[in-house]
Amino acid sequence: MEFKFTASIIDAIEQTQKEPIGNVVSDNTIRNMARFIEKAGVKEDGTVGMSNSIALKKIDAYLEEPENDMDLLVLDVTEALVRDGFLSRDLSVEKMRTLKKTRAKQAMEEIDKVIEG
């Protein structure tokens, strides 16, 4: 999913949530992710922003892909915020993605041990 953040968009999100963007992005509820897509999602024609109902449909389509989940959507939003300068450019979203995969793999190995055990 593609995003384009501007100061106006960040301000609108922060005003709605009454929190700084760094706190807002950690809320992985459907409503919050829909708000990000609604305000900063890039449509097929290149325009930024869309209605809530279209944003929710975008989430459904995103989650239909077997490799996607809500955690990855949060990371996509975080990555765009870093790229556009609204979160520290020192954040390595790629390392966050790798850590997510590593932890999931470790958890599955632990589950396998318990099942086999």
N, C-alpha and C. Protein backbone atom coordinates (compact mmCIF):
# COMPACT_ATOMS: atom_id res chain seq x y z
N MET A 1 0.84 -1.16 0.00
CA MET A 1 0.00 0.00 0.00
C MET A 1 0.90 1.24 0.00
N GLU A 2 0.50 2.24 -0.74
CA GLU A 2 1.32 3.45 -0.88
C GLU A 2 0.69 4.61 -0.10
N PHE A 3 1.57 5.40 0.54
CA PHE A 3 1.14 6.55 1.33
C PHE A 3 1.96 7.77 0.97
N LYS A 4 1.36 8.94 1.15
CA LYS A 4 2.07 10.21 1.01
C LYS A 4 1.62 11.11 2.14
N PHE A 5 2.55 11.39 3.08
CA PHE A 5 2.24 12.22 4.22
C PHE A 5 2.75 13.64 4.03
N THR A 6 1.95 14.60 4.46
CA THR A 6 2.33 16.01 4.47
C THR A 6 2.05 16.55 5.88
N ALA A 7 2.55 17.74 6.15
CA ALA A 7 2.31 18.35 7.46
C ALA A 7 0.81 18.51 7.71
N SER A 8 0.06 18.88 6.68
CA SER A 8 -1.39 19.04 6.83
C SER A 8 -2.07 17.73 7.21
N ILE A 9 -1.66 16.66 6.58
CA ILE A 9 -2.24 15.34 6.88
C ILE A 9 -1.88 14.91 8.30
N ILE A 10 -0.62 15.09 8.67
CA ILE A 10 -0.20 14.72 10.03
C ILE A 10 -0.97 15.54 11.06
N ASP A 11 -1.10 16.84 10.81
CA ASP A 11 -1.84 17.70 11.72
C ASP A 11 -3.28 17.23 11.88
N ALA A 12 -3.93 16.88 10.78
CA ALA A 12 -5.32 16.41 10.83
C ALA A 12 -5.43 15.13 11.65
N ILE A 13 -4.49 14.21 11.47
CA ILE A 13 -4.51 12.95 12.22
C ILE A 13 -4.27 13.22 13.70
N GLU A 14 -3.27 14.06 14.01
CA GLU A 14 -2.96 14.37 15.41
C GLU A 14 -4.13 15.11 16.09
N GLN A 15 -4.79 15.99 15.38
CA GLN A 15 -5.93 16.72 15.95
C GLN A 15 -7.08 15.76 16.26
N THR A 16 -7.31 14.81 15.35
CA THR A 16 -8.38 13.84 15.56
C THR A 16 -8.06 12.92 16.74
N GLN A 17 -6.82 12.45 16.80
CA GLN A 17 -6.43 11.50 17.84
C GLN A 17 -6.00 12.17 19.14
N LYS A 18 -5.68 13.45 19.08
CA LYS A 18 -5.22 14.21 20.26
C LYS A 18 -3.93 13.62 20.84
N GLU A 19 -3.08 13.10 19.94
CA GLU A 19 -1.79 12.53 20.32
C GLU A 19 -0.79 12.79 19.21
N PRO A 20 0.52 12.79 19.56
CA PRO A 20 1.54 12.94 18.51
C PRO A 20 1.56 11.72 17.59
N ILE A 21 2.01 11.93 16.38
CA ILE A 21 1.97 10.88 15.35
C ILE A 21 2.72 9.62 15.78
N GLY A 22 3.80 9.77 16.55
CA GLY A 22 4.55 8.60 17.02
C GLY A 22 3.72 7.68 17.89
N ASN A 23 2.81 8.26 18.66
CA ASN A 23 1.90 7.46 19.48
C ASN A 23 0.77 6.88 18.64
N VAL A 24 0.28 7.69 17.72
CA VAL A 24 -0.87 7.27 16.91
C VAL A 24 -0.54 6.04 16.08
N VAL A 25 0.67 5.99 15.51
CA VAL A 25 1.01 4.88 14.61
C VAL A 25 1.08 3.54 15.35
N SER A 26 1.27 3.57 16.65
CA SER A 26 1.35 2.30 17.39
C SER A 26 -0.02 1.68 17.66
N ASP A 27 -1.09 2.41 17.37
CA ASP A 27 -2.45 1.90 17.54
C ASP A 27 -2.83 1.12 16.27
N ASN A 28 -2.83 -0.20 16.37
CA ASN A 28 -3.06 -1.02 15.17
C ASN A 28 -4.51 -1.46 14.99
N THR A 29 -5.44 -0.65 15.49
CA THR A 29 -6.86 -0.97 15.28
C THR A 29 -7.24 -0.71 13.82
N ILE A 30 -8.26 -1.39 13.37
CA ILE A 30 -8.76 -1.19 12.01
C ILE A 30 -9.13 0.28 11.81
N ARG A 31 -9.81 0.87 12.78
CA ARG A 31 -10.23 2.28 12.67
C ARG A 31 -9.04 3.20 12.45
N ASN A 32 -7.97 2.97 13.21
CA ASN A 32 -6.79 3.83 13.09
C ASN A 32 -6.09 3.63 11.74
N MET A 33 -5.95 2.38 11.33
CA MET A 33 -5.30 2.13 10.04
C MET A 33 -6.15 2.70 8.90
N ALA A 34 -7.47 2.59 9.04
CA ALA A 34 -8.36 3.18 8.02
C ALA A 34 -8.17 4.70 7.97
N ARG A 35 -7.97 5.32 9.12
CA ARG A 35 -7.76 6.77 9.17
C ARG A 35 -6.49 7.15 8.39
N PHE A 36 -5.41 6.38 8.58
CA PHE A 36 -4.17 6.65 7.84
C PHE A 36 -4.40 6.53 6.34
N ILE A 37 -5.10 5.48 5.94
CA ILE A 37 -5.37 5.27 4.51
C ILE A 37 -6.28 6.37 3.98
N GLU A 38 -7.29 6.69 4.75
CA GLU A 38 -8.25 7.74 4.37
C GLU A 38 -7.54 9.07 4.11
N LYS A 39 -6.61 9.42 4.97
CA LYS A 39 -5.93 10.72 4.88
C LYS A 39 -4.74 10.71 3.92
N ALA A 40 -3.97 9.61 3.90
CA ALA A 40 -2.69 9.62 3.18
C ALA A 40 -2.53 8.52 2.15
N GLY A 41 -3.53 7.66 2.00
CA GLY A 41 -3.44 6.59 1.00
C GLY A 41 -3.44 7.16 -0.41
N VAL A 42 -2.60 6.58 -1.26
CA VAL A 42 -2.52 7.02 -2.65
C VAL A 42 -3.39 6.10 -3.50
N LYS A 43 -4.35 6.70 -4.20
CA LYS A 43 -5.26 5.93 -5.06
C LYS A 43 -4.57 5.60 -6.38
N GLU A 44 -5.21 4.71 -7.13
CA GLU A 44 -4.65 4.25 -8.41
C GLU A 44 -4.36 5.41 -9.37
N ASP A 45 -5.15 6.48 -9.30
CA ASP A 45 -4.95 7.62 -10.20
C ASP A 45 -3.88 8.60 -9.69
N GLY A 46 -3.26 8.27 -8.54
CA GLY A 46 -2.19 9.10 -8.00
C GLY A 46 -2.64 10.15 -7.01
N THR A 47 -3.94 10.32 -6.83
CA THR A 47 -4.42 11.30 -5.86
C THR A 47 -4.29 10.73 -4.44
N VAL A 48 -4.17 11.63 -3.49
CA VAL A 48 -3.99 11.23 -2.09
C VAL A 48 -5.29 11.45 -1.33
N GLY A 49 -5.68 10.45 -0.55
CA GLY A 49 -6.88 10.54 0.28
C GLY A 49 -8.07 9.86 -0.37
N MET A 50 -8.97 9.38 0.49
CA MET A 50 -10.16 8.66 0.01
C MET A 50 -11.18 8.60 1.12
N SER A 51 -12.35 8.12 0.82
CA SER A 51 -13.40 7.98 1.82
C SER A 51 -13.08 6.83 2.78
N ASN A 52 -13.76 6.84 3.91
CA ASN A 52 -13.57 5.78 4.89
C ASN A 52 -13.96 4.42 4.31
N SER A 53 -15.05 4.37 3.56
CA SER A 53 -15.49 3.07 3.02
C SER A 53 -14.47 2.51 2.03
N ILE A 54 -13.86 3.38 1.23
CA ILE A 54 -12.82 2.91 0.30
C ILE A 54 -11.58 2.49 1.08
N ALA A 55 -11.23 3.23 2.13
CA ALA A 55 -10.08 2.87 2.97
C ALA A 55 -10.28 1.48 3.58
N LEU A 56 -11.48 1.19 4.05
CA LEU A 56 -11.77 -0.13 4.63
C LEU A 56 -11.68 -1.22 3.57
N LYS A 57 -12.14 -0.93 2.37
CA LYS A 57 -12.01 -1.90 1.27
C LYS A 57 -10.55 -2.14 0.93
N LYS A 58 -9.73 -1.09 1.01
CA LYS A 58 -8.29 -1.23 0.77
C LYS A 58 -7.66 -2.16 1.80
N ILE A 59 -8.09 -2.01 3.06
CA ILE A 59 -7.58 -2.91 4.11
C ILE A 59 -7.99 -4.34 3.81
N ASP A 60 -9.24 -4.57 3.44
CA ASP A 60 -9.70 -5.92 3.09
C ASP A 60 -8.85 -6.50 1.96
N ALA A 61 -8.63 -5.72 0.92
CA ALA A 61 -7.84 -6.19 -0.22
C ALA A 61 -6.40 -6.49 0.21
N TYR A 62 -5.84 -5.63 1.03
CA TYR A 62 -4.46 -5.82 1.53
C TYR A 62 -4.35 -7.12 2.31
N LEU A 63 -5.32 -7.37 3.19
CA LEU A 63 -5.28 -8.55 4.04
C LEU A 63 -5.63 -9.84 3.30
N GLU A 64 -6.23 -9.72 2.13
CA GLU A 64 -6.50 -10.92 1.32
C GLU A 64 -5.22 -11.52 0.77
N GLU A 65 -4.18 -10.72 0.65
CA GLU A 65 -2.89 -11.24 0.19
C GLU A 65 -2.28 -12.09 1.30
N PRO A 66 -1.89 -13.34 0.99
CA PRO A 66 -1.45 -14.26 2.04
C PRO A 66 -0.22 -13.79 2.83
N GLU A 67 0.60 -12.96 2.24
CA GLU A 67 1.81 -12.50 2.94
C GLU A 67 1.56 -11.29 3.84
N ASN A 68 0.36 -10.71 3.78
CA ASN A 68 0.07 -9.49 4.54
C ASN A 68 -0.73 -9.77 5.80
N ASP A 69 -0.50 -8.93 6.80
CA ASP A 69 -1.28 -8.94 8.03
C ASP A 69 -1.29 -7.53 8.61
N MET A 70 -1.99 -7.33 9.70
CA MET A 70 -2.10 -6.00 10.29
C MET A 70 -0.75 -5.46 10.76
N ASP A 71 0.10 -6.33 11.27
CA ASP A 71 1.43 -5.87 11.69
C ASP A 71 2.20 -5.28 10.52
N LEU A 72 2.11 -5.93 9.37
CA LEU A 72 2.81 -5.41 8.18
C LEU A 72 2.19 -4.10 7.70
N LEU A 73 0.89 -3.95 7.84
CA LEU A 73 0.25 -2.69 7.47
C LEU A 73 0.77 -1.56 8.36
N VAL A 74 0.89 -1.82 9.66
CA VAL A 74 1.45 -0.82 10.58
C VAL A 74 2.87 -0.47 10.15
N LEU A 75 3.65 -1.47 9.77
CA LEU A 75 5.02 -1.22 9.32
C LEU A 75 5.04 -0.43 8.01
N ASP A 76 4.10 -0.69 7.12
CA ASP A 76 4.01 0.10 5.87
C ASP A 76 3.75 1.58 6.18
N VAL A 77 2.83 1.82 7.12
CA VAL A 77 2.53 3.20 7.52
C VAL A 77 3.77 3.83 8.16
N THR A 78 4.40 3.09 9.06
CA THR A 78 5.61 3.58 9.74
C THR A 78 6.69 3.91 8.73
N GLU A 79 6.89 3.02 7.77
CA GLU A 79 7.91 3.24 6.74
C GLU A 79 7.66 4.53 5.96
N ALA A 80 6.41 4.79 5.62
CA ALA A 80 6.07 6.01 4.88
C ALA A 80 6.28 7.25 5.75
N LEU A 81 5.95 7.15 7.04
CA LEU A 81 6.18 8.28 7.95
C LEU A 81 7.66 8.58 8.10
N VAL A 82 8.48 7.55 8.14
CA VAL A 82 9.94 7.74 8.20
C VAL A 82 10.43 8.36 6.89
N ARG A 83 10.01 7.79 5.77
CA ARG A 83 10.43 8.29 4.46
C ARG A 83 10.09 9.76 4.28
N ASP A 84 8.89 10.14 4.73
CA ASP A 84 8.42 11.51 4.55
C ASP A 84 8.89 12.46 5.65
N GLY A 85 9.67 11.92 6.62
CA GLY A 85 10.30 12.76 7.64
C GLY A 85 9.49 13.04 8.89
N PHE A 86 8.37 12.36 9.07
CA PHE A 86 7.52 12.62 10.24
C PHE A 86 7.83 11.70 11.42
N LEU A 87 8.64 10.70 11.20
CA LEU A 87 9.25 9.91 12.26
C LEU A 87 10.75 9.92 11.97
N SER A 88 11.55 9.63 12.99
CA SER A 88 13.01 9.69 12.85
C SER A 88 13.49 8.86 11.66
N ARG A 89 14.31 9.48 10.84
CA ARG A 89 14.89 8.77 9.70
C ARG A 89 15.92 7.72 10.15
N ASP A 90 16.26 7.74 11.44
CA ASP A 90 17.16 6.73 12.00
C ASP A 90 16.45 5.40 12.24
N LEU A 91 15.12 5.41 12.23
CA LEU A 91 14.37 4.16 12.40
C LEU A 91 14.60 3.26 11.19
N SER A 92 14.90 2.01 11.45
CA SER A 92 15.07 1.05 10.36
C SER A 92 13.85 0.13 10.31
N VAL A 93 12.92 0.47 9.44
CA VAL A 93 11.71 -0.34 9.32
C VAL A 93 12.07 -1.71 8.76
N GLU A 94 13.08 -1.77 7.93
CA GLU A 94 13.51 -3.07 7.38
C GLU A 94 13.96 -4.00 8.51
N LYS A 95 14.68 -3.45 9.49
CA LYS A 95 15.10 -4.26 10.65
C LYS A 95 13.88 -4.68 11.46
N MET A 96 12.88 -3.81 11.56
CA MET A 96 11.64 -4.17 12.27
C MET A 96 10.95 -5.33 11.56
N ARG A 97 10.93 -5.29 10.23
CA ARG A 97 10.32 -6.38 9.46
C ARG A 97 11.06 -7.69 9.69
N THR A 98 12.39 -7.62 9.70
CA THR A 98 13.21 -8.81 9.94
C THR A 98 12.97 -9.36 11.34
N LEU A 99 12.90 -8.48 12.32
CA LEU A 99 12.65 -8.90 13.70
C LEU A 99 11.28 -9.58 13.81
N LYS A 100 10.28 -9.04 13.15
CA LYS A 100 8.94 -9.65 13.16
C LYS A 100 9.00 -11.07 12.63
N LYS A 101 9.68 -11.27 11.50
CA LYS A 101 9.80 -12.62 10.92
C LYS A 101 10.56 -13.56 11.85
N THR A 102 11.64 -13.06 12.45
CA THR A 102 12.46 -13.89 13.35
C THR A 102 11.65 -14.32 14.57
N ARG A 103 10.92 -13.39 15.15
CA ARG A 103 10.12 -13.72 16.34
C ARG A 103 9.00 -14.70 16.00
N ALA A 104 8.39 -14.53 14.85
CA ALA A 104 7.32 -15.45 14.44
C ALA A 104 7.90 -16.85 14.25
N LYS A 105 9.07 -16.93 13.62
CA LYS A 105 9.71 -18.23 13.40
C LYS A 105 10.06 -18.88 14.74
N GLN A 106 10.61 -18.10 15.67
CA GLN A 106 10.95 -18.64 16.99
C GLN A 106 9.71 -19.13 17.72
N ALA A 107 8.63 -18.40 17.64
CA ALA A 107 7.39 -18.81 18.29
C ALA A 107 6.88 -20.12 17.71
N MET A 108 6.94 -20.25 16.40
CA MET A 108 6.47 -21.48 15.76
C MET A 108 7.35 -22.67 16.16
N GLU A 109 8.66 -22.45 16.29
CA GLU A 109 9.56 -23.52 16.73
C GLU A 109 9.22 -23.96 18.15
N GLU A 110 8.90 -22.99 19.03
CA GLU A 110 8.51 -23.32 20.40
C GLU A 110 7.21 -24.10 20.43
N ILE A 111 6.27 -23.71 19.61
CA ILE A 111 4.99 -24.42 19.53
C ILE A 111 5.21 -25.85 19.04
N ASP A 112 6.07 -26.00 18.02
CA ASP A 112 6.38 -27.34 17.52
C ASP A 112 7.00 -28.22 18.61
N LYS A 113 7.88 -27.65 19.43
CA LYS A 113 8.50 -28.41 20.51
C LYS A 113 7.47 -28.88 21.51
N VAL A 114 6.53 -28.03 21.84
CA VAL A 114 5.48 -28.39 22.80
C VAL A 114 4.59 -29.49 22.22
N ILE A 115 4.24 -29.35 20.97
CA ILE A 115 3.36 -30.34 20.31
C ILE A 115 4.06 -31.69 20.21
N GLU A 116 5.34 -31.66 19.85
CA GLU A 116 6.11 -32.90 19.68
C GLU A 116 6.54 -33.50 21.01
N GLY A 117 6.55 -32.66 22.03
CA GLY A 117 7.14 -32.98 23.22
C GLY A 117 6.82 -33.75 24.31
